[in-house]
Amino acid sequence: MLISSAFAQTGGAPAPAGGGLMGLLPIVLMFVVLYFIMIRPQMKKQKETKAMIEALAKGDEVVTTGGLLGRITKLDDTLLTLQIAPDTEVQVQRAAVIQVLPKGTVQAK
């Protein structure tokens, strides 16, 4: 026939008892490194962003995710009103703020 018969071979020496644990060690180390390189800094940045958004006050000059620069004129729990030019105000969500600028950065013309 076309298929040859399979013959059983004798097994090698039995694996040591701690071999399973040593096989998992590289995977565990990979997750520890992943935590300290990626997950922990991301959680720290989220915490800083949340604190910055909660600390917004009237008169702060901010930049939004859309690139608008303006001065906060009104605050709400979820919305804020930005003055982007004299007599021009827009409402944006608090979460859209990505940076608080130093005072005097936004010049009214």
PDB file of N, CA and C in Angstrom:
ATOM      1  N   MET A   1       0.803  -1.187   0.000  1.00  0.00           N
ATOM      2  CA  MET A   1       0.000   0.000   0.000  1.00  0.00           C
ATOM      3  C   MET A   1       0.857   1.267   0.000  1.00  0.00           C
ATOM      4  N   LEU A   2       0.197   2.406  -0.114  1.00  0.00           N
ATOM      5  CA  LEU A   2       0.912   3.667  -0.181  1.00  0.00           C
ATOM      6  C   LEU A   2       1.289   4.227   1.188  1.00  0.00           C
ATOM      7  N   ILE A   3       0.573   3.824   2.221  1.00  0.00           N
ATOM      8  CA  ILE A   3       0.840   4.346   3.560  1.00  0.00           C
ATOM      9  C   ILE A   3       1.606   3.292   4.328  1.00  0.00           C
ATOM     10  N   SER A   4       2.744   3.675   4.883  1.00  0.00           N
ATOM     11  CA  SER A   4       3.535   2.714   5.649  1.00  0.00           C
ATOM     12  C   SER A   4       2.990   2.597   7.058  1.00  0.00           C
ATOM     13  N   SER A   5       3.266   1.526   7.684  1.00  0.00           N
ATOM     14  CA  SER A   5       2.806   1.291   9.049  1.00  0.00           C
ATOM     15  C   SER A   5       3.618   2.142  10.009  1.00  0.00           C
ATOM     16  N   ALA A   6       2.976   2.631  11.044  1.00  0.00           N
ATOM     17  CA  ALA A   6       3.656   3.418  12.065  1.00  0.00           C
ATOM     18  C   ALA A   6       4.090   2.475  13.172  1.00  0.00           C
ATOM     19  N   PHE A   7       5.313   2.629  13.576  1.00  0.00           N
ATOM     20  CA  PHE A   7       5.837   1.791  14.641  1.00  0.00           C
ATOM     21  C   PHE A   7       6.049   2.632  15.885  1.00  0.00           C
ATOM     22  N   ALA A   8       5.651   2.103  17.012  1.00  0.00           N
ATOM     23  CA  ALA A   8       5.818   2.808  18.279  1.00  0.00           C
ATOM     24  C   ALA A   8       7.278   2.843  18.648  1.00  0.00           C
ATOM     25  N   GLN A   9       7.730   3.961  19.166  1.00  0.00           N
ATOM     26  CA  GLN A   9       9.103   4.088  19.623  1.00  0.00           C
ATOM     27  C   GLN A   9       9.094   4.219  21.134  1.00  0.00           C
ATOM     28  N   THR A  10      10.166   3.889  21.730  1.00  0.00           N
ATOM     29  CA  THR A  10      10.247   4.017  23.176  1.00  0.00           C
ATOM     30  C   THR A  10      10.399   5.478  23.520  1.00  0.00           C
ATOM     31  N   GLY A  11       9.764   5.882  24.579  1.00  0.00           N
ATOM     32  CA  GLY A  11       9.825   7.281  25.003  1.00  0.00           C
ATOM     33  C   GLY A  11      11.169   7.607  25.612  1.00  0.00           C
ATOM     34  N   GLY A  12      11.514   8.872  25.617  1.00  0.00           N
ATOM     35  CA  GLY A  12      12.763   9.328  26.208  1.00  0.00           C
ATOM     36  C   GLY A  12      12.628   9.378  27.716  1.00  0.00           C
ATOM     37  N   ALA A  13      13.562  10.010  28.351  1.00  0.00           N
ATOM     38  CA  ALA A  13      13.538  10.146  29.801  1.00  0.00           C
ATOM     39  C   ALA A  13      12.359  11.028  30.199  1.00  0.00           C
ATOM     40  N   PRO A  14      11.733  10.775  31.339  1.00  0.00           N
ATOM     41  CA  PRO A  14      10.597  11.596  31.779  1.00  0.00           C
ATOM     42  C   PRO A  14      11.052  13.025  32.083  1.00  0.00           C
ATOM     43  N   ALA A  15      10.151  13.984  31.829  1.00  0.00           N
ATOM     44  CA  ALA A  15      10.460  15.397  32.063  1.00  0.00           C
ATOM     45  C   ALA A  15      10.565  15.654  33.558  1.00  0.00           C
ATOM     46  N   PRO A  16      11.435  16.578  33.967  1.00  0.00           N
ATOM     47  CA  PRO A  16      11.543  16.895  35.394  1.00  0.00           C
ATOM     48  C   PRO A  16      10.240  17.501  35.913  1.00  0.00           C
ATOM     49  N   ALA A  17      10.013  17.394  37.210  1.00  0.00           N
ATOM     50  CA  ALA A  17       8.752  17.826  37.810  1.00  0.00           C
ATOM     51  C   ALA A  17       8.531  19.333  37.684  1.00  0.00           C
ATOM     52  N   GLY A  18       9.570  20.149  37.730  1.00  0.00           N
ATOM     53  CA  GLY A  18       9.419  21.608  37.661  1.00  0.00           C
ATOM     54  C   GLY A  18       9.418  22.138  36.236  1.00  0.00           C
ATOM     55  N   GLY A  19       9.408  21.329  35.240  1.00  0.00           N
ATOM     56  CA  GLY A  19       9.482  21.768  33.841  1.00  0.00           C
ATOM     57  C   GLY A  19       8.296  22.601  33.414  1.00  0.00           C
ATOM     58  N   GLY A  20       7.104  22.339  33.927  1.00  0.00           N
ATOM     59  CA  GLY A  20       5.915  23.102  33.549  1.00  0.00           C
ATOM     60  C   GLY A  20       5.991  24.535  34.037  1.00  0.00           C
ATOM     61  N   LEU A  21       6.517  24.723  35.239  1.00  0.00           N
ATOM     62  CA  LEU A  21       6.645  26.061  35.802  1.00  0.00           C
ATOM     63  C   LEU A  21       7.699  26.872  35.052  1.00  0.00           C
ATOM     64  N   MET A  22       8.775  26.260  34.702  1.00  0.00           N
ATOM     65  CA  MET A  22       9.838  26.942  33.967  1.00  0.00           C
ATOM     66  C   MET A  22       9.382  27.300  32.549  1.00  0.00           C
ATOM     67  N   GLY A  23       8.454  26.536  32.010  1.00  0.00           N
ATOM     68  CA  GLY A  23       7.929  26.848  30.689  1.00  0.00           C
ATOM     69  C   GLY A  23       7.027  28.071  30.700  1.00  0.00           C
ATOM     70  N   LEU A  24       6.390  28.367  31.832  1.00  0.00           N
ATOM     71  CA  LEU A  24       5.504  29.533  31.953  1.00  0.00           C
ATOM     72  C   LEU A  24       6.249  30.804  32.329  1.00  0.00           C
ATOM     73  N   LEU A  25       7.468  30.672  32.810  1.00  0.00           N
ATOM     74  CA  LEU A  25       8.221  31.834  33.268  1.00  0.00           C
ATOM     75  C   LEU A  25       8.407  32.901  32.182  1.00  0.00           C
ATOM     76  N   PRO A  26       8.777  32.562  30.948  1.00  0.00           N
ATOM     77  CA  PRO A  26       8.907  33.621  29.927  1.00  0.00           C
ATOM     78  C   PRO A  26       7.591  34.364  29.652  1.00  0.00           C
ATOM     79  N   ILE A  27       6.474  33.679  29.685  1.00  0.00           N
ATOM     80  CA  ILE A  27       5.176  34.318  29.445  1.00  0.00           C
ATOM     81  C   ILE A  27       4.838  35.270  30.584  1.00  0.00           C
ATOM     82  N   VAL A  28       5.092  34.840  31.823  1.00  0.00           N
ATOM     83  CA  VAL A  28       4.830  35.698  32.979  1.00  0.00           C
ATOM     84  C   VAL A  28       5.722  36.933  32.922  1.00  0.00           C
ATOM     85  N   LEU A  29       6.988  36.752  32.597  1.00  0.00           N
ATOM     86  CA  LEU A  29       7.901  37.896  32.483  1.00  0.00           C
ATOM     87  C   LEU A  29       7.461  38.859  31.383  1.00  0.00           C
ATOM     88  N   MET A  30       6.942  38.324  30.285  1.00  0.00           N
ATOM     89  CA  MET A  30       6.472  39.167  29.196  1.00  0.00           C
ATOM     90  C   MET A  30       5.304  40.041  29.656  1.00  0.00           C
ATOM     91  N   PHE A  31       4.378  39.490  30.431  1.00  0.00           N
ATOM     92  CA  PHE A  31       3.246  40.272  30.925  1.00  0.00           C
ATOM     93  C   PHE A  31       3.687  41.317  31.943  1.00  0.00           C
ATOM     94  N   VAL A  32       4.680  41.012  32.760  1.00  0.00           N
ATOM     95  CA  VAL A  32       5.192  41.987  33.721  1.00  0.00           C
ATOM     96  C   VAL A  32       5.831  43.161  32.984  1.00  0.00           C
ATOM     97  N   VAL A  33       6.648  42.882  31.977  1.00  0.00           N
ATOM     98  CA  VAL A  33       7.275  43.937  31.190  1.00  0.00           C
ATOM     99  C   VAL A  33       6.212  44.751  30.459  1.00  0.00           C
ATOM    100  N   LEU A  34       5.220  44.092  29.895  1.00  0.00           N
ATOM    101  CA  LEU A  34       4.133  44.777  29.192  1.00  0.00           C
ATOM    102  C   LEU A  34       3.401  45.724  30.137  1.00  0.00           C
ATOM    103  N   TYR A  35       3.178  45.294  31.372  1.00  0.00           N
ATOM    104  CA  TYR A  35       2.491  46.129  32.350  1.00  0.00           C
ATOM    105  C   TYR A  35       3.281  47.407  32.613  1.00  0.00           C
ATOM    106  N   PHE A  36       4.589  47.268  32.863  1.00  0.00           N
ATOM    107  CA  PHE A  36       5.385  48.436  33.220  1.00  0.00           C
ATOM    108  C   PHE A  36       5.704  49.332  32.031  1.00  0.00           C
ATOM    109  N   ILE A  37       5.706  48.801  30.819  1.00  0.00           N
ATOM    110  CA  ILE A  37       6.039  49.613  29.656  1.00  0.00           C
ATOM    111  C   ILE A  37       4.808  50.254  29.027  1.00  0.00           C
ATOM    112  N   MET A  38       3.663  49.575  29.018  1.00  0.00           N
ATOM    113  CA  MET A  38       2.495  50.090  28.310  1.00  0.00           C
ATOM    114  C   MET A  38       1.321  50.434  29.211  1.00  0.00           C
ATOM    115  N   ILE A  39       0.908  49.536  30.046  1.00  0.00           N
ATOM    116  CA  ILE A  39      -0.347  49.703  30.794  1.00  0.00           C
ATOM    117  C   ILE A  39      -0.213  50.752  31.893  1.00  0.00           C
ATOM    118  N   ARG A  40       0.837  50.683  32.694  1.00  0.00           N
ATOM    119  CA  ARG A  40       0.998  51.609  33.814  1.00  0.00           C
ATOM    120  C   ARG A  40       1.124  53.062  33.357  1.00  0.00           C
ATOM    121  N   PRO A  41       1.961  53.386  32.352  1.00  0.00           N
ATOM    122  CA  PRO A  41       2.018  54.785  31.900  1.00  0.00           C
ATOM    123  C   PRO A  41       0.692  55.290  31.332  1.00  0.00           C
ATOM    124  N   GLN A  42      -0.050  54.413  30.662  1.00  0.00           N
ATOM    125  CA  GLN A  42      -1.341  54.824  30.116  1.00  0.00           C
ATOM    126  C   GLN A  42      -2.319  55.156  31.242  1.00  0.00           C
ATOM    127  N   MET A  43      -2.337  54.343  32.292  1.00  0.00           N
ATOM    128  CA  MET A  43      -3.227  54.620  33.423  1.00  0.00           C
ATOM    129  C   MET A  43      -2.829  55.930  34.112  1.00  0.00           C
ATOM    130  N   LYS A  44      -1.532  56.200  34.214  1.00  0.00           N
ATOM    131  CA  LYS A  44      -1.059  57.432  34.832  1.00  0.00           C
ATOM    132  C   LYS A  44      -1.485  58.645  34.006  1.00  0.00           C
ATOM    133  N   LYS A  45      -1.376  58.547  32.684  1.00  0.00           N
ATOM    134  CA  LYS A  45      -1.776  59.651  31.803  1.00  0.00           C
ATOM    135  C   LYS A  45      -3.282  59.903  31.896  1.00  0.00           C
ATOM    136  N   GLN A  46      -4.094  58.832  31.964  1.00  0.00           N
ATOM    137  CA  GLN A  46      -5.540  58.995  32.105  1.00  0.00           C
ATOM    138  C   GLN A  46      -5.887  59.697  33.413  1.00  0.00           C
ATOM    139  N   LYS A  47      -5.180  59.358  34.470  1.00  0.00           N
ATOM    140  CA  LYS A  47      -5.438  59.976  35.768  1.00  0.00           C
ATOM    141  C   LYS A  47      -5.088  61.468  35.728  1.00  0.00           C
ATOM    142  N   GLU A  48      -3.970  61.825  35.078  1.00  0.00           N
ATOM    143  CA  GLU A  48      -3.579  63.228  34.957  1.00  0.00           C
ATOM    144  C   GLU A  48      -4.578  64.010  34.109  1.00  0.00           C
ATOM    145  N   THR A  49      -5.058  63.412  33.032  1.00  0.00           N
ATOM    146  CA  THR A  49      -6.035  64.069  32.163  1.00  0.00           C
ATOM    147  C   THR A  49      -7.345  64.309  32.907  1.00  0.00           C
ATOM    148  N   LYS A  50      -7.780  63.321  33.666  1.00  0.00           N
ATOM    149  CA  LYS A  50      -9.026  63.463  34.436  1.00  0.00           C
ATOM    150  C   LYS A  50      -8.894  64.588  35.463  1.00  0.00           C
ATOM    151  N   ALA A  51      -7.744  64.660  36.136  1.00  0.00           N
ATOM    152  CA  ALA A  51      -7.529  65.719  37.120  1.00  0.00           C
ATOM    153  C   ALA A  51      -7.500  67.088  36.453  1.00  0.00           C
ATOM    154  N   MET A  52      -6.900  67.183  35.262  1.00  0.00           N
ATOM    155  CA  MET A  52      -6.839  68.454  34.542  1.00  0.00           C
ATOM    156  C   MET A  52      -8.240  68.905  34.136  1.00  0.00           C
ATOM    157  N   ILE A  53      -9.072  67.985  33.665  1.00  0.00           N
ATOM    158  CA  ILE A  53     -10.432  68.333  33.237  1.00  0.00           C
ATOM    159  C   ILE A  53     -11.285  68.758  34.429  1.00  0.00           C
ATOM    160  N   GLU A  54     -11.111  68.092  35.564  1.00  0.00           N
ATOM    161  CA  GLU A  54     -11.886  68.457  36.753  1.00  0.00           C
ATOM    162  C   GLU A  54     -11.457  69.809  37.318  1.00  0.00           C
ATOM    163  N   ALA A  55     -10.197  70.201  37.080  1.00  0.00           N
ATOM    164  CA  ALA A  55      -9.679  71.447  37.639  1.00  0.00           C
ATOM    165  C   ALA A  55      -9.915  72.657  36.738  1.00  0.00           C
ATOM    166  N   LEU A  56     -10.603  72.497  35.624  1.00  0.00           N
ATOM    167  CA  LEU A  56     -10.865  73.627  34.732  1.00  0.00           C
ATOM    168  C   LEU A  56     -11.677  74.691  35.457  1.00  0.00           C
ATOM    169  N   ALA A  57     -11.327  75.949  35.195  1.00  0.00           N
ATOM    170  CA  ALA A  57     -12.029  77.058  35.837  1.00  0.00           C
ATOM    171  C   ALA A  57     -12.303  78.149  34.818  1.00  0.00           C
ATOM    172  N   LYS A  58     -13.230  79.027  35.171  1.00  0.00           N
ATOM    173  CA  LYS A  58     -13.573  80.151  34.302  1.00  0.00           C
ATOM    174  C   LYS A  58     -12.334  81.030  34.140  1.00  0.00           C
ATOM    175  N   GLY A  59     -12.036  81.413  32.889  1.00  0.00           N
ATOM    176  CA  GLY A  59     -10.878  82.240  32.610  1.00  0.00           C
ATOM    177  C   GLY A  59      -9.662  81.459  32.139  1.00  0.00           C
ATOM    178  N   ASP A  60      -9.680  80.132  32.280  1.00  0.00           N
ATOM    179  CA  ASP A  60      -8.566  79.317  31.787  1.00  0.00           C
ATOM    180  C   ASP A  60      -8.523  79.352  30.267  1.00  0.00           C
ATOM    181  N   GLU A  61      -7.340  79.320  29.724  1.00  0.00           N
ATOM    182  CA  GLU A  61      -7.155  79.274  28.276  1.00  0.00           C
ATOM    183  C   GLU A  61      -6.780  77.849  27.902  1.00  0.00           C
ATOM    184  N   VAL A  62      -7.530  77.275  26.943  1.00  0.00           N
ATOM    185  CA  VAL A  62      -7.389  75.853  26.649  1.00  0.00           C
ATOM    186  C   VAL A  62      -7.311  75.592  25.149  1.00  0.00           C
ATOM    187  N   VAL A  63      -6.875  74.370  24.824  1.00  0.00           N
ATOM    188  CA  VAL A  63      -6.873  73.865  23.451  1.00  0.00           C
ATOM    189  C   VAL A  63      -7.777  72.644  23.435  1.00  0.00           C
ATOM    190  N   THR A  64      -8.629  72.534  22.404  1.00  0.00           N
ATOM    191  CA  THR A  64      -9.512  71.376  22.276  1.00  0.00           C
ATOM    192  C   THR A  64      -8.918  70.366  21.301  1.00  0.00           C
ATOM    193  N   THR A  65      -9.529  69.190  21.242  1.00  0.00           N
ATOM    194  CA  THR A  65      -9.059  68.159  20.320  1.00  0.00           C
ATOM    195  C   THR A  65      -9.226  68.591  18.876  1.00  0.00           C
ATOM    196  N   GLY A  66     -10.144  69.485  18.598  1.00  0.00           N
ATOM    197  CA  GLY A  66     -10.342  69.991  17.245  1.00  0.00           C
ATOM    198  C   GLY A  66      -9.384  71.109  16.880  1.00  0.00           C
ATOM    199  N   GLY A  67      -8.559  71.545  17.836  1.00  0.00           N
ATOM    200  CA  GLY A  67      -7.588  72.584  17.555  1.00  0.00           C
ATOM    201  C   GLY A  67      -8.048  73.994  17.887  1.00  0.00           C
ATOM    202  N   LEU A  68      -9.215  74.133  18.500  1.00  0.00           N
ATOM    203  CA  LEU A  68      -9.694  75.463  18.886  1.00  0.00           C
ATOM    204  C   LEU A  68      -8.944  75.957  20.120  1.00  0.00           C
ATOM    205  N   LEU A  69      -8.512  77.205  20.074  1.00  0.00           N
ATOM    206  CA  LEU A  69      -7.911  77.865  21.232  1.00  0.00           C
ATOM    207  C   LEU A  69      -8.914  78.882  21.733  1.00  0.00           C
ATOM    208  N   GLY A  70      -9.119  78.901  23.032  1.00  0.00           N
ATOM    209  CA  GLY A  70     -10.073  79.866  23.558  1.00  0.00           C
ATOM    210  C   GLY A  70     -10.002  79.993  25.058  1.00  0.00           C
ATOM    211  N   ARG A  71     -10.763  80.948  25.554  1.00  0.00           N
ATOM    212  CA  ARG A  71     -10.841  81.213  26.989  1.00  0.00           C
ATOM    213  C   ARG A  71     -12.196  80.736  27.490  1.00  0.00           C
ATOM    214  N   ILE A  72     -12.200  80.038  28.598  1.00  0.00           N
ATOM    215  CA  ILE A  72     -13.449  79.509  29.166  1.00  0.00           C
ATOM    216  C   ILE A  72     -14.246  80.661  29.770  1.00  0.00           C
ATOM    217  N   THR A  73     -15.523  80.777  29.339  1.00  0.00           N
ATOM    218  CA  THR A  73     -16.383  81.820  29.886  1.00  0.00           C
ATOM    219  C   THR A  73     -17.481  81.249  30.775  1.00  0.00           C
ATOM    220  N   LYS A  74     -17.918  80.018  30.492  1.00  0.00           N
ATOM    221  CA  LYS A  74     -18.951  79.365  31.309  1.00  0.00           C
ATOM    222  C   LYS A  74     -18.583  77.895  31.467  1.00  0.00           C
ATOM    223  N   LEU A  75     -18.917  77.348  32.633  1.00  0.00           N
ATOM    224  CA  LEU A  75     -18.655  75.936  32.913  1.00  0.00           C
ATOM    225  C   LEU A  75     -19.929  75.229  33.321  1.00  0.00           C
ATOM    226  N   ASP A  76     -20.047  73.990  32.915  1.00  0.00           N
ATOM    227  CA  ASP A  76     -21.155  73.115  33.297  1.00  0.00           C
ATOM    228  C   ASP A  76     -20.524  71.784  33.690  1.00  0.00           C
ATOM    229  N   ASP A  77     -21.332  70.822  34.095  1.00  0.00           N
ATOM    230  CA  ASP A  77     -20.796  69.509  34.455  1.00  0.00           C
ATOM    231  C   ASP A  77     -20.160  68.806  33.264  1.00  0.00           C
ATOM    232  N   THR A  78     -20.789  68.905  32.105  1.00  0.00           N
ATOM    233  CA  THR A  78     -20.279  68.203  30.924  1.00  0.00           C
ATOM    234  C   THR A  78     -19.856  69.135  29.796  1.00  0.00           C
ATOM    235  N   LEU A  79     -20.328  70.378  29.808  1.00  0.00           N
ATOM    236  CA  LEU A  79     -20.037  71.321  28.729  1.00  0.00           C
ATOM    237  C   LEU A  79     -19.312  72.547  29.261  1.00  0.00           C
ATOM    238  N   LEU A  80     -18.598  73.206  28.369  1.00  0.00           N
ATOM    239  CA  LEU A  80     -18.021  74.501  28.692  1.00  0.00           C
ATOM    240  C   LEU A  80     -18.141  75.403  27.471  1.00  0.00           C
ATOM    241  N   THR A  81     -18.169  76.694  27.716  1.00  0.00           N
ATOM    242  CA  THR A  81     -18.285  77.671  26.639  1.00  0.00           C
ATOM    243  C   THR A  81     -16.940  78.353  26.472  1.00  0.00           C
ATOM    244  N   LEU A  82     -16.437  78.339  25.228  1.00  0.00           N
ATOM    245  CA  LEU A  82     -15.155  78.956  24.913  1.00  0.00           C
ATOM    246  C   LEU A  82     -15.377  80.234  24.115  1.00  0.00           C
ATOM    247  N   GLN A  83     -14.665  81.271  24.477  1.00  0.00           N
ATOM    248  CA  GLN A  83     -14.648  82.478  23.674  1.00  0.00           C
ATOM    249  C   GLN A  83     -13.431  82.353  22.765  1.00  0.00           C
ATOM    250  N   ILE A  84     -13.685  82.158  21.459  1.00  0.00           N
ATOM    251  CA  ILE A  84     -12.598  81.958  20.518  1.00  0.00           C
ATOM    252  C   ILE A  84     -12.233  83.238  19.782  1.00  0.00           C
ATOM    253  N   ALA A  85     -13.099  84.235  19.850  1.00  0.00           N
ATOM    254  CA  ALA A  85     -12.859  85.560  19.277  1.00  0.00           C
ATOM    255  C   ALA A  85     -13.834  86.505  19.981  1.00  0.00           C
ATOM    256  N   PRO A  86     -13.595  87.827  19.892  1.00  0.00           N
ATOM    257  CA  PRO A  86     -14.563  88.740  20.501  1.00  0.00           C
ATOM    258  C   PRO A  86     -15.964  88.511  19.910  1.00  0.00           C
ATOM    259  N   ASP A  87     -16.935  88.387  20.771  1.00  0.00           N
ATOM    260  CA  ASP A  87     -18.336  88.155  20.403  1.00  0.00           C
ATOM    261  C   ASP A  87     -18.549  86.824  19.688  1.00  0.00           C
ATOM    262  N   THR A  88     -17.632  85.868  19.847  1.00  0.00           N
ATOM    263  CA  THR A  88     -17.795  84.534  19.257  1.00  0.00           C
ATOM    264  C   THR A  88     -17.526  83.491  20.330  1.00  0.00           C
ATOM    265  N   GLU A  89     -18.577  82.755  20.675  1.00  0.00           N
ATOM    266  CA  GLU A  89     -18.454  81.713  21.688  1.00  0.00           C
ATOM    267  C   GLU A  89     -18.978  80.396  21.130  1.00  0.00           C
ATOM    268  N   VAL A  90     -18.344  79.300  21.531  1.00  0.00           N
ATOM    269  CA  VAL A  90     -18.778  77.963  21.133  1.00  0.00           C
ATOM    270  C   VAL A  90     -18.841  77.090  22.381  1.00  0.00           C
ATOM    271  N   GLN A  91     -19.731  76.119  22.318  1.00  0.00           N
ATOM    272  CA  GLN A  91     -19.830  75.153  23.403  1.00  0.00           C
ATOM    273  C   GLN A  91     -19.128  73.873  22.998  1.00  0.00           C
ATOM    274  N   VAL A  92     -18.329  73.318  23.902  1.00  0.00           N
ATOM    275  CA  VAL A  92     -17.648  72.051  23.672  1.00  0.00           C
ATOM    276  C   VAL A  92     -17.772  71.199  24.930  1.00  0.00           C
ATOM    277  N   GLN A  93     -17.569  69.916  24.757  1.00  0.00           N
ATOM    278  CA  GLN A  93     -17.577  69.024  25.907  1.00  0.00           C
ATOM    279  C   GLN A  93     -16.285  69.191  26.692  1.00  0.00           C
ATOM    280  N   ARG A  94     -16.373  68.965  27.983  1.00  0.00           N
ATOM    281  CA  ARG A  94     -15.174  69.054  28.825  1.00  0.00           C
ATOM    282  C   ARG A  94     -14.099  68.078  28.356  1.00  0.00           C
ATOM    283  N   ALA A  95     -14.533  66.894  27.913  1.00  0.00           N
ATOM    284  CA  ALA A  95     -13.583  65.861  27.497  1.00  0.00           C
ATOM    285  C   ALA A  95     -12.813  66.257  26.242  1.00  0.00           C
ATOM    286  N   ALA A  96     -13.270  67.282  25.524  1.00  0.00           N
ATOM    287  CA  ALA A  96     -12.588  67.721  24.308  1.00  0.00           C
ATOM    288  C   ALA A  96     -11.354  68.565  24.613  1.00  0.00           C
ATOM    289  N   VAL A  97     -11.184  68.981  25.855  1.00  0.00           N
ATOM    290  CA  VAL A  97     -10.029  69.788  26.227  1.00  0.00           C
ATOM    291  C   VAL A  97      -8.814  68.872  26.375  1.00  0.00           C
ATOM    292  N   ILE A  98      -7.735  69.212  25.664  1.00  0.00           N
ATOM    293  CA  ILE A  98      -6.539  68.380  25.753  1.00  0.00           C
ATOM    294  C   ILE A  98      -5.380  69.085  26.445  1.00  0.00           C
ATOM    295  N   GLN A  99      -5.456  70.409  26.572  1.00  0.00           N
ATOM    296  CA  GLN A  99      -4.347  71.121  27.192  1.00  0.00           C
ATOM    297  C   GLN A  99      -4.826  72.441  27.756  1.00  0.00           C
ATOM    298  N   VAL A 100      -4.303  72.794  28.917  1.00  0.00           N
ATOM    299  CA  VAL A 100      -4.537  74.103  29.507  1.00  0.00           C
ATOM    300  C   VAL A 100      -3.292  74.933  29.220  1.00  0.00           C
ATOM    301  N   LEU A 101      -3.506  76.087  28.617  1.00  0.00           N
ATOM    302  CA  LEU A 101      -2.392  76.956  28.226  1.00  0.00           C
ATOM    303  C   LEU A 101      -2.063  77.953  29.339  1.00  0.00           C
ATOM    304  N   PRO A 102      -0.845  78.484  29.334  1.00  0.00           N
ATOM    305  CA  PRO A 102      -0.506  79.536  30.298  1.00  0.00           C
ATOM    306  C   PRO A 102      -1.340  80.790  30.052  1.00  0.00           C
ATOM    307  N   LYS A 103      -1.607  81.542  31.097  1.00  0.00           N
ATOM    308  CA  LYS A 103      -2.407  82.770  30.959  1.00  0.00           C
ATOM    309  C   LYS A 103      -1.738  83.734  29.995  1.00  0.00           C
ATOM    310  N   GLY A 104      -2.537  84.364  29.151  1.00  0.00           N
ATOM    311  CA  GLY A 104      -2.049  85.344  28.200  1.00  0.00           C
ATOM    312  C   GLY A 104      -1.633  84.762  26.864  1.00  0.00           C
ATOM    313  N   THR A 105      -1.807  83.440  26.684  1.00  0.00           N
ATOM    314  CA  THR A 105      -1.445  82.818  25.410  1.00  0.00           C
ATOM    315  C   THR A 105      -2.422  83.196  24.323  1.00  0.00           C
ATOM    316  N   VAL A 106      -3.709  83.166  24.638  1.00  0.00           N
ATOM    317  CA  VAL A 106      -4.749  83.504  23.673  1.00  0.00           C
ATOM    318  C   VAL A 106      -4.949  85.003  23.700  1.00  0.00           C
ATOM    319  N   GLN A 107      -4.707  85.644  22.566  1.00  0.00           N
ATOM    320  CA  GLN A 107      -4.828  87.099  22.484  1.00  0.00           C
ATOM    321  C   GLN A 107      -6.162  87.465  21.843  1.00  0.00           C
ATOM    322  N   ALA A 108      -6.930  88.310  22.492  1.00  0.00           N
ATOM    323  CA  ALA A 108      -8.184  88.795  21.922  1.00  0.00           C
ATOM    324  C   ALA A 108      -7.859  89.940  20.969  1.00  0.00           C
ATOM    325  N   LYS A 109      -8.401  89.889  19.779  1.00  0.00           N
ATOM    326  CA  LYS A 109      -8.132  90.943  18.783  1.00  0.00           C
ATOM    327  C   LYS A 109      -9.340  91.813  18.580  1.00  0.00           C
TER     328      LYS A 109
END
